[in-house]
N, C-alpha and C. Protein backbone atom coordinates (compact mmCIF):
# COMPACT_ATOMS: atom_id res chain seq x y z
N MET A 1 150.36 103.06 75.86
CA MET A 1 148.99 103.18 76.31
C MET A 1 148.47 104.60 76.12
N ILE A 2 149.34 105.56 76.32
CA ILE A 2 148.92 106.95 76.17
C ILE A 2 148.53 107.25 74.72
N LEU A 3 149.28 106.65 73.77
CA LEU A 3 148.97 106.90 72.36
C LEU A 3 147.60 106.35 71.98
N GLN A 4 147.23 105.21 72.53
CA GLN A 4 145.91 104.65 72.24
C GLN A 4 144.80 105.53 72.82
N LEU A 5 145.03 106.02 74.03
CA LEU A 5 144.05 106.92 74.63
C LEU A 5 143.97 108.24 73.86
N LEU A 6 145.12 108.71 73.42
CA LEU A 6 145.17 109.95 72.63
C LEU A 6 144.40 109.77 71.32
N ARG A 7 144.65 108.66 70.65
CA ARG A 7 143.95 108.37 69.39
C ARG A 7 142.45 108.25 69.63
N ARG A 8 142.08 107.61 70.73
CA ARG A 8 140.66 107.47 71.07
C ARG A 8 140.01 108.83 71.28
N ASN A 9 140.66 109.70 72.03
CA ASN A 9 140.10 111.03 72.30
C ASN A 9 139.97 111.85 71.02
N LEU A 10 140.95 111.77 70.13
CA LEU A 10 140.88 112.50 68.86
C LEU A 10 139.73 111.97 68.00
N ARG A 11 139.57 110.66 67.97
CA ARG A 11 138.46 110.08 67.20
C ARG A 11 137.11 110.49 67.76
N VAL A 12 136.99 110.45 69.07
CA VAL A 12 135.72 110.81 69.70
C VAL A 12 135.38 112.27 69.39
N TYR A 13 136.38 113.14 69.45
CA TYR A 13 136.11 114.57 69.20
C TYR A 13 135.71 114.82 67.75
N PHE A 14 136.50 114.33 66.81
CA PHE A 14 136.25 114.64 65.40
C PHE A 14 135.11 113.83 64.80
N ARG A 15 134.70 112.74 65.44
CA ARG A 15 133.57 111.97 64.95
C ARG A 15 132.27 112.72 65.17
N ASP A 16 132.18 113.45 66.27
CA ASP A 16 130.95 114.17 66.60
C ASP A 16 131.01 115.56 65.96
N ARG A 17 130.34 115.72 64.86
CA ARG A 17 130.38 117.00 64.12
C ARG A 17 129.76 118.14 64.91
N ALA A 18 128.79 117.83 65.75
CA ALA A 18 128.16 118.87 66.57
C ALA A 18 129.16 119.45 67.56
N THR A 19 130.00 118.61 68.13
CA THR A 19 131.02 119.11 69.06
C THR A 19 132.00 120.03 68.36
N VAL A 20 132.42 119.64 67.18
CA VAL A 20 133.35 120.48 66.41
C VAL A 20 132.67 121.80 66.06
N PHE A 21 131.42 121.74 65.62
CA PHE A 21 130.70 122.96 65.26
C PHE A 21 130.53 123.89 66.45
N PHE A 22 130.09 123.35 67.58
CA PHE A 22 129.83 124.20 68.73
C PHE A 22 131.12 124.73 69.37
N SER A 23 132.22 124.01 69.20
CA SER A 23 133.47 124.58 69.71
C SER A 23 133.96 125.71 68.81
N MET A 24 133.53 125.72 67.55
CA MET A 24 133.89 126.81 66.64
C MET A 24 132.79 127.87 66.55
N LEU A 25 131.72 127.71 67.31
CA LEU A 25 130.58 128.62 67.22
C LEU A 25 130.95 130.05 67.60
N GLY A 26 131.78 130.23 68.60
CA GLY A 26 132.22 131.57 68.97
C GLY A 26 132.95 132.26 67.83
N VAL A 27 133.78 131.51 67.14
CA VAL A 27 134.51 132.06 65.98
C VAL A 27 133.54 132.41 64.87
N ILE A 28 132.56 131.55 64.62
CA ILE A 28 131.59 131.80 63.57
C ILE A 28 130.76 133.05 63.90
N ILE A 29 130.39 133.22 65.15
CA ILE A 29 129.62 134.40 65.56
C ILE A 29 130.44 135.67 65.38
N ILE A 30 131.70 135.64 65.77
CA ILE A 30 132.56 136.82 65.62
C ILE A 30 132.71 137.20 64.15
N ILE A 31 132.96 136.21 63.31
CA ILE A 31 133.12 136.49 61.87
C ILE A 31 131.81 137.00 61.28
N GLY A 32 130.68 136.39 61.68
CA GLY A 32 129.38 136.85 61.18
C GLY A 32 129.07 138.28 61.56
N LEU A 33 129.32 138.62 62.83
CA LEU A 33 129.09 140.00 63.27
C LEU A 33 130.00 140.98 62.53
N TYR A 34 131.23 140.57 62.32
CA TYR A 34 132.17 141.45 61.62
C TYR A 34 131.74 141.67 60.18
N LEU A 35 131.34 140.60 59.51
CA LEU A 35 130.95 140.73 58.10
C LEU A 35 129.65 141.50 57.94
N MET A 36 128.70 141.30 58.87
CA MET A 36 127.40 141.95 58.72
C MET A 36 127.38 143.40 59.19
N PHE A 37 127.99 143.65 60.34
CA PHE A 37 127.82 144.97 60.95
C PHE A 37 129.12 145.74 61.11
N LEU A 38 130.09 145.13 61.70
CA LEU A 38 131.27 145.88 62.13
C LEU A 38 132.27 146.19 61.02
N GLY A 39 132.28 145.41 59.95
CA GLY A 39 133.27 145.58 58.90
C GLY A 39 133.27 146.96 58.28
N ASN A 40 132.10 147.43 57.88
CA ASN A 40 132.03 148.75 57.25
C ASN A 40 132.30 149.87 58.25
N THR A 41 131.81 149.72 59.45
CA THR A 41 132.04 150.75 60.48
C THR A 41 133.52 150.86 60.80
N LEU A 42 134.16 149.73 60.99
CA LEU A 42 135.59 149.77 61.29
C LEU A 42 136.41 150.22 60.09
N ALA A 43 135.94 149.92 58.89
CA ALA A 43 136.65 150.39 57.70
C ALA A 43 136.58 151.90 57.59
N GLU A 44 135.44 152.49 58.00
CA GLU A 44 135.32 153.94 57.98
C GLU A 44 136.29 154.57 58.98
N VAL A 45 136.41 153.94 60.14
CA VAL A 45 137.37 154.44 61.12
C VAL A 45 138.79 154.22 60.59
N GLY A 46 139.00 153.10 59.91
CA GLY A 46 140.32 152.77 59.39
C GLY A 46 140.74 153.58 58.19
N GLN A 47 139.81 154.35 57.61
CA GLN A 47 140.19 155.14 56.45
C GLN A 47 141.22 156.21 56.80
N TYR A 48 141.30 156.55 58.07
CA TYR A 48 142.29 157.52 58.49
C TYR A 48 143.70 156.92 58.51
N ALA A 49 143.77 155.60 58.36
CA ALA A 49 145.07 154.93 58.33
C ALA A 49 145.65 154.93 56.92
N GLY A 50 144.93 155.47 55.98
CA GLY A 50 145.44 155.53 54.61
C GLY A 50 144.83 154.45 53.74
N ASP A 51 145.54 154.08 52.71
CA ASP A 51 145.04 153.10 51.73
C ASP A 51 144.90 151.70 52.32
N ASN A 52 145.65 151.41 53.33
CA ASN A 52 145.63 150.07 53.91
C ASN A 52 144.73 149.96 55.14
N GLY A 53 143.78 150.85 55.27
CA GLY A 53 142.91 150.86 56.45
C GLY A 53 142.07 149.60 56.57
N ARG A 54 141.47 149.18 55.45
CA ARG A 54 140.64 147.97 55.48
C ARG A 54 141.49 146.73 55.79
N PHE A 55 142.68 146.67 55.19
CA PHE A 55 143.58 145.54 55.46
C PHE A 55 143.97 145.49 56.92
N MET A 56 144.23 146.66 57.50
CA MET A 56 144.60 146.71 58.91
C MET A 56 143.45 146.23 59.80
N MET A 57 142.24 146.67 59.50
CA MET A 57 141.09 146.26 60.30
C MET A 57 140.80 144.76 60.14
N ASP A 58 140.89 144.25 58.91
CA ASP A 58 140.67 142.82 58.69
C ASP A 58 141.72 141.99 59.44
N SER A 59 142.95 142.41 59.37
CA SER A 59 144.03 141.69 60.06
C SER A 59 143.84 141.73 61.57
N TRP A 60 143.41 142.84 62.07
CA TRP A 60 143.20 143.00 63.51
C TRP A 60 142.07 142.09 64.00
N ILE A 61 140.96 142.09 63.28
CA ILE A 61 139.82 141.26 63.66
C ILE A 61 140.15 139.78 63.52
N MET A 62 140.82 139.41 62.45
CA MET A 62 141.15 138.00 62.25
C MET A 62 142.16 137.51 63.29
N GLY A 63 143.02 138.39 63.75
CA GLY A 63 143.91 138.02 64.86
C GLY A 63 143.12 137.69 66.11
N GLY A 64 142.08 138.45 66.39
CA GLY A 64 141.20 138.16 67.53
C GLY A 64 140.42 136.88 67.33
N VAL A 65 140.01 136.61 66.10
CA VAL A 65 139.28 135.38 65.80
C VAL A 65 140.18 134.16 66.03
N ILE A 66 141.42 134.26 65.61
CA ILE A 66 142.36 133.15 65.79
C ILE A 66 142.61 132.92 67.28
N ALA A 67 142.74 133.99 68.04
CA ALA A 67 142.93 133.86 69.49
C ALA A 67 141.71 133.21 70.14
N ALA A 68 140.52 133.60 69.70
CA ALA A 68 139.29 133.01 70.26
C ALA A 68 139.19 131.54 69.88
N ALA A 69 139.60 131.19 68.66
CA ALA A 69 139.53 129.79 68.22
C ALA A 69 140.45 128.91 69.03
N SER A 70 141.61 129.42 69.38
CA SER A 70 142.56 128.59 70.13
C SER A 70 142.01 128.24 71.51
N ILE A 71 141.26 129.14 72.10
CA ILE A 71 140.71 128.88 73.44
C ILE A 71 139.44 128.04 73.36
N THR A 72 138.52 128.41 72.48
CA THR A 72 137.23 127.71 72.46
C THR A 72 137.35 126.26 72.00
N THR A 73 138.22 125.99 71.04
CA THR A 73 138.34 124.61 70.57
C THR A 73 139.05 123.73 71.60
N ALA A 74 140.04 124.28 72.28
CA ALA A 74 140.72 123.49 73.32
C ALA A 74 139.76 123.20 74.48
N MET A 75 138.95 124.18 74.86
CA MET A 75 137.98 123.94 75.93
C MET A 75 136.89 122.98 75.47
N GLY A 76 136.51 123.05 74.20
CA GLY A 76 135.55 122.09 73.67
C GLY A 76 136.10 120.68 73.68
N ALA A 77 137.40 120.54 73.47
CA ALA A 77 138.03 119.22 73.49
C ALA A 77 138.03 118.63 74.89
N PHE A 78 138.09 119.46 75.90
CA PHE A 78 138.01 118.95 77.27
C PHE A 78 136.62 118.41 77.59
N GLY A 79 135.66 118.67 76.73
CA GLY A 79 134.33 118.12 76.89
C GLY A 79 134.31 116.60 76.81
N ILE A 80 135.33 116.02 76.16
CA ILE A 80 135.44 114.57 76.09
C ILE A 80 135.58 114.00 77.50
N MET A 81 136.39 114.65 78.31
CA MET A 81 136.59 114.18 79.68
C MET A 81 135.29 114.31 80.47
N VAL A 82 134.58 115.38 80.27
CA VAL A 82 133.31 115.58 80.96
C VAL A 82 132.29 114.53 80.53
N ASP A 83 132.23 114.26 79.23
CA ASP A 83 131.30 113.24 78.73
C ASP A 83 131.65 111.86 79.26
N ASP A 84 132.94 111.56 79.31
CA ASP A 84 133.35 110.26 79.85
C ASP A 84 132.96 110.12 81.31
N THR A 85 133.06 111.19 82.06
CA THR A 85 132.66 111.15 83.47
C THR A 85 131.15 111.01 83.60
N GLN A 86 130.42 111.75 82.78
CA GLN A 86 128.96 111.71 82.84
C GLN A 86 128.41 110.35 82.44
N LYS A 87 128.98 109.77 81.41
CA LYS A 87 128.50 108.48 80.91
C LYS A 87 129.13 107.30 81.67
N LYS A 88 129.92 107.61 82.67
CA LYS A 88 130.57 106.61 83.52
C LYS A 88 131.58 105.75 82.76
N ILE A 89 132.07 106.25 81.64
CA ILE A 89 133.13 105.56 80.89
C ILE A 89 134.44 105.63 81.66
N ILE A 90 134.60 106.66 82.45
CA ILE A 90 135.82 106.84 83.23
C ILE A 90 136.03 105.67 84.20
N ARG A 91 134.95 105.06 84.64
CA ARG A 91 135.06 103.90 85.54
C ARG A 91 135.74 102.73 84.85
N ASP A 92 135.48 102.57 83.56
CA ASP A 92 136.15 101.50 82.80
C ASP A 92 137.65 101.73 82.77
N PHE A 93 138.05 103.00 82.61
CA PHE A 93 139.48 103.31 82.60
C PHE A 93 140.10 103.12 83.98
N GLU A 94 139.34 103.39 85.02
CA GLU A 94 139.87 103.29 86.38
C GLU A 94 140.15 101.84 86.78
N VAL A 95 139.40 100.89 86.26
CA VAL A 95 139.65 99.50 86.61
C VAL A 95 140.63 98.83 85.65
N SER A 96 141.02 99.53 84.61
CA SER A 96 142.01 99.00 83.68
C SER A 96 143.42 99.29 84.21
N PRO A 97 144.44 98.73 83.59
CA PRO A 97 145.80 98.96 84.08
C PRO A 97 146.36 100.34 83.74
N VAL A 98 145.52 101.24 83.30
CA VAL A 98 145.96 102.60 82.98
C VAL A 98 146.06 103.41 84.26
N ARG A 99 147.18 104.06 84.44
CA ARG A 99 147.37 104.92 85.61
C ARG A 99 146.55 106.19 85.42
N ARG A 100 146.18 106.81 86.50
CA ARG A 100 145.35 108.03 86.46
C ARG A 100 146.09 109.16 85.72
N TRP A 101 147.38 109.28 85.97
CA TRP A 101 148.14 110.36 85.32
C TRP A 101 148.23 110.14 83.82
N GLN A 102 148.23 108.88 83.35
CA GLN A 102 148.25 108.62 81.92
C GLN A 102 146.93 109.02 81.27
N LEU A 103 145.88 108.77 81.97
CA LEU A 103 144.55 109.14 81.48
C LEU A 103 144.42 110.65 81.36
N VAL A 104 144.83 111.35 82.40
CA VAL A 104 144.76 112.82 82.39
C VAL A 104 145.69 113.39 81.33
N LEU A 105 146.88 112.82 81.21
CA LEU A 105 147.83 113.29 80.19
C LEU A 105 147.26 113.11 78.79
N ALA A 106 146.58 112.00 78.55
CA ALA A 106 145.96 111.77 77.23
C ALA A 106 144.88 112.81 76.95
N TYR A 107 144.06 113.15 77.96
CA TYR A 107 143.05 114.19 77.76
C TYR A 107 143.69 115.54 77.45
N VAL A 108 144.73 115.89 78.18
CA VAL A 108 145.39 117.18 77.99
C VAL A 108 146.08 117.24 76.63
N LEU A 109 146.81 116.18 76.27
CA LEU A 109 147.50 116.17 74.98
C LEU A 109 146.52 116.21 73.81
N SER A 110 145.42 115.48 73.94
CA SER A 110 144.42 115.52 72.86
C SER A 110 143.80 116.91 72.74
N SER A 111 143.59 117.57 73.86
CA SER A 111 143.06 118.93 73.82
C SER A 111 144.04 119.89 73.16
N ILE A 112 145.32 119.72 73.46
CA ILE A 112 146.34 120.57 72.84
C ILE A 112 146.39 120.33 71.33
N ILE A 113 146.37 119.07 70.92
CA ILE A 113 146.43 118.75 69.50
C ILE A 113 145.20 119.27 68.77
N ILE A 114 144.04 119.08 69.35
CA ILE A 114 142.80 119.59 68.73
C ILE A 114 142.85 121.11 68.64
N GLY A 115 143.32 121.77 69.68
CA GLY A 115 143.44 123.22 69.66
C GLY A 115 144.38 123.69 68.56
N ILE A 116 145.50 123.02 68.39
CA ILE A 116 146.46 123.40 67.35
C ILE A 116 145.87 123.18 65.96
N VAL A 117 145.24 122.04 65.75
CA VAL A 117 144.68 121.73 64.43
C VAL A 117 143.57 122.72 64.06
N MET A 118 142.67 122.97 64.99
CA MET A 118 141.56 123.88 64.69
C MET A 118 142.03 125.33 64.57
N THR A 119 143.04 125.72 65.32
CA THR A 119 143.58 127.07 65.19
C THR A 119 144.27 127.24 63.85
N CYS A 120 145.00 126.22 63.40
CA CYS A 120 145.62 126.30 62.07
C CYS A 120 144.56 126.37 60.97
N PHE A 121 143.48 125.62 61.14
CA PHE A 121 142.37 125.68 60.18
C PHE A 121 141.77 127.09 60.15
N THR A 122 141.57 127.67 61.31
CA THR A 122 141.03 129.03 61.39
C THR A 122 142.01 130.04 60.79
N PHE A 123 143.29 129.83 61.02
CA PHE A 123 144.31 130.71 60.46
C PHE A 123 144.27 130.69 58.93
N VAL A 124 144.14 129.50 58.36
CA VAL A 124 144.07 129.38 56.89
C VAL A 124 142.82 130.10 56.37
N LEU A 125 141.68 129.92 57.03
CA LEU A 125 140.47 130.61 56.60
C LEU A 125 140.61 132.13 56.73
N ALA A 126 141.26 132.58 57.79
CA ALA A 126 141.46 134.03 57.98
C ALA A 126 142.38 134.59 56.90
N GLU A 127 143.41 133.83 56.56
CA GLU A 127 144.32 134.31 55.52
C GLU A 127 143.64 134.36 54.15
N VAL A 128 142.77 133.38 53.89
CA VAL A 128 142.01 133.40 52.63
C VAL A 128 141.11 134.63 52.59
N TYR A 129 140.47 134.95 53.72
CA TYR A 129 139.60 136.13 53.76
C TYR A 129 140.39 137.41 53.58
N ILE A 130 141.51 137.52 54.25
CA ILE A 130 142.31 138.75 54.16
C ILE A 130 142.88 138.88 52.77
C-alpha cells in the first residue's frame, strides 16, 4: 500500500510543472544573480587565489546552490500533503484501510525521493556549468 501511495505522490508532484518550477525557483534566482552580478565581482576577489580563482568561486557558489536545491525541492514536495488536506483528499485516505502512519510515511518517502532526484539534477547542471 505504501508503494502505491508513494507512486501517487511522485506522479502528482512531477505532473504539475508549476510545482516543480516554483520549488526550483530559489535555485534559479541564486544562479541568475550569480551570473548577472556576483560572478565578476567574486572573480575579482578570487584573482588573489591564483589561476584557479574563478574555478574556486564557481565551485563555492554551485555548492551553495546544490544545498539550497536539496531543501527547497523537498519542502516543495511536502506541498502535496498540504494540497491533499486543503482539497479534502486526505479524508478519502482516512476512511480507506490505509493506516495513518503509512500515509505519513508515503509523504515523507516521496519528499525524500523528490529531493534526491532534483538535487542530482541540480548537481549535473552545476557540473556542466563549472
